[in-house]
Structure formats: C-alpha cells, structure tokens
Amino acid sequence: MKKAKVERDPLEEIDLLDSMYSALVDLLVEKGVITEEEYEREIKQKLKVT
C-alpha cells in the first residue's frame, strides 16, 4: 500500500509538531514520569530558539 504525500506549508508543520510535543509533555506529567517543575527547569531551557 502506497501512502499519499501530504503537502503542508511550514507554519502548519510547526503548529502540528508543537501540538504533538505539548501532548507528549502533558502525558509524561500525567503519568508521573516528569514533573511540571522538571520540565520548566531542565527540558524547556534546552528548547529555546536562538
């Protein structure tokens, strides 16, 4: 089965990835893998765009 290639503009792609990332962080916090404070202190700092 061949998958159809979906054309997205870069802003749509960024928005989709941001939504996926936020959902993953929410799930990790909900499951107790990380805390909100750990996310803010350790992970979020590494993701800053320069």
C-alpha atoms as a PDB file:
ATOM      1  CA  MET A   1       0.000   0.000   0.000  1.00  0.00           C
ATOM      2  CA  LYS A   2       1.471   3.360  -1.029  1.00  0.00           C
ATOM      3  CA  LYS A   3       0.977   6.350   1.242  1.00  0.00           C
ATOM      4  CA  ALA A   4      -0.081   9.631  -0.307  1.00  0.00           C
ATOM      5  CA  LYS A   5       2.312  12.507   0.346  1.00  0.00           C
ATOM      6  CA  VAL A   6       0.603  15.279   2.262  1.00  0.00           C
ATOM      7  CA  GLU A   7       1.663  18.805   1.326  1.00  0.00           C
ATOM      8  CA  ARG A   8       1.807  21.218   4.270  1.00  0.00           C
ATOM      9  CA  ASP A   9       3.157  24.691   4.492  1.00  0.00           C
ATOM     10  CA  PRO A  10       5.994  25.178   7.028  1.00  0.00           C
ATOM     11  CA  LEU A  11       3.797  27.052   9.514  1.00  0.00           C
ATOM     12  CA  GLU A  12       1.264  24.211   9.534  1.00  0.00           C
ATOM     13  CA  GLU A  13       4.092  21.724  10.076  1.00  0.00           C
ATOM     14  CA  ILE A  14       5.472  23.740  13.012  1.00  0.00           C
ATOM     15  CA  ASP A  15       1.992  24.014  14.530  1.00  0.00           C
ATOM     16  CA  LEU A  16       1.461  20.261  14.191  1.00  0.00           C
ATOM     17  CA  LEU A  17       4.831  19.468  15.789  1.00  0.00           C
ATOM     18  CA  ASP A  18       4.138  21.933  18.620  1.00  0.00           C
ATOM     19  CA  SER A  19       0.796  20.262  19.309  1.00  0.00           C
ATOM     20  CA  MET A  20       2.396  16.812  19.312  1.00  0.00           C
ATOM     21  CA  TYR A  21       5.166  17.982  21.652  1.00  0.00           C
ATOM     22  CA  SER A  22       2.690  19.581  24.063  1.00  0.00           C
ATOM     23  CA  ALA A  23       0.583  16.423  24.136  1.00  0.00           C
ATOM     24  CA  LEU A  24       3.656  14.314  24.886  1.00  0.00           C
ATOM     25  CA  VAL A  25       4.762  16.584  27.733  1.00  0.00           C
ATOM     26  CA  ASP A  26       1.233  16.560  29.181  1.00  0.00           C
ATOM     27  CA  LEU A  27       1.178  12.756  29.067  1.00  0.00           C
ATOM     28  CA  LEU A  28       4.596  12.462  30.742  1.00  0.00           C
ATOM     29  CA  VAL A  29       3.485  14.808  33.524  1.00  0.00           C
ATOM     30  CA  GLU A  30       0.173  12.963  33.916  1.00  0.00           C
ATOM     31  CA  LYS A  31       1.929   9.580  34.176  1.00  0.00           C
ATOM     32  CA  GLY A  32       4.420  10.920  36.708  1.00  0.00           C
ATOM     33  CA  VAL A  33       7.478  10.415  34.522  1.00  0.00           C
ATOM     34  CA  ILE A  34       8.425  14.074  34.910  1.00  0.00           C
ATOM     35  CA  THR A  35       7.049  16.926  36.965  1.00  0.00           C
ATOM     36  CA  GLU A  36       5.999  20.303  35.647  1.00  0.00           C
ATOM     37  CA  GLU A  37       8.907  21.837  37.559  1.00  0.00           C
ATOM     38  CA  GLU A  38      11.416  19.435  35.935  1.00  0.00           C
ATOM     39  CA  TYR A  39      10.035  20.285  32.534  1.00  0.00           C
ATOM     40  CA  GLU A  40      10.332  24.026  33.157  1.00  0.00           C
ATOM     41  CA  ARG A  41      13.797  23.819  34.729  1.00  0.00           C
ATOM     42  CA  GLU A  42      15.576  21.214  32.599  1.00  0.00           C
ATOM     43  CA  ILE A  43      13.811  20.486  29.334  1.00  0.00           C
ATOM     44  CA  LYS A  44      12.268  23.807  28.366  1.00  0.00           C
ATOM     45  CA  GLN A  45      15.627  25.571  28.736  1.00  0.00           C
ATOM     46  CA  LYS A  46      17.160  23.292  26.099  1.00  0.00           C
ATOM     47  CA  LEU A  47      14.406  24.051  23.608  1.00  0.00           C
ATOM     48  CA  LYS A  48      14.861  27.824  23.442  1.00  0.00           C
ATOM     49  CA  VAL A  49      15.299  29.042  19.900  1.00  0.00           C
ATOM     50  CA  THR A  50      18.230  31.369  19.465  1.00  0.00           C
END
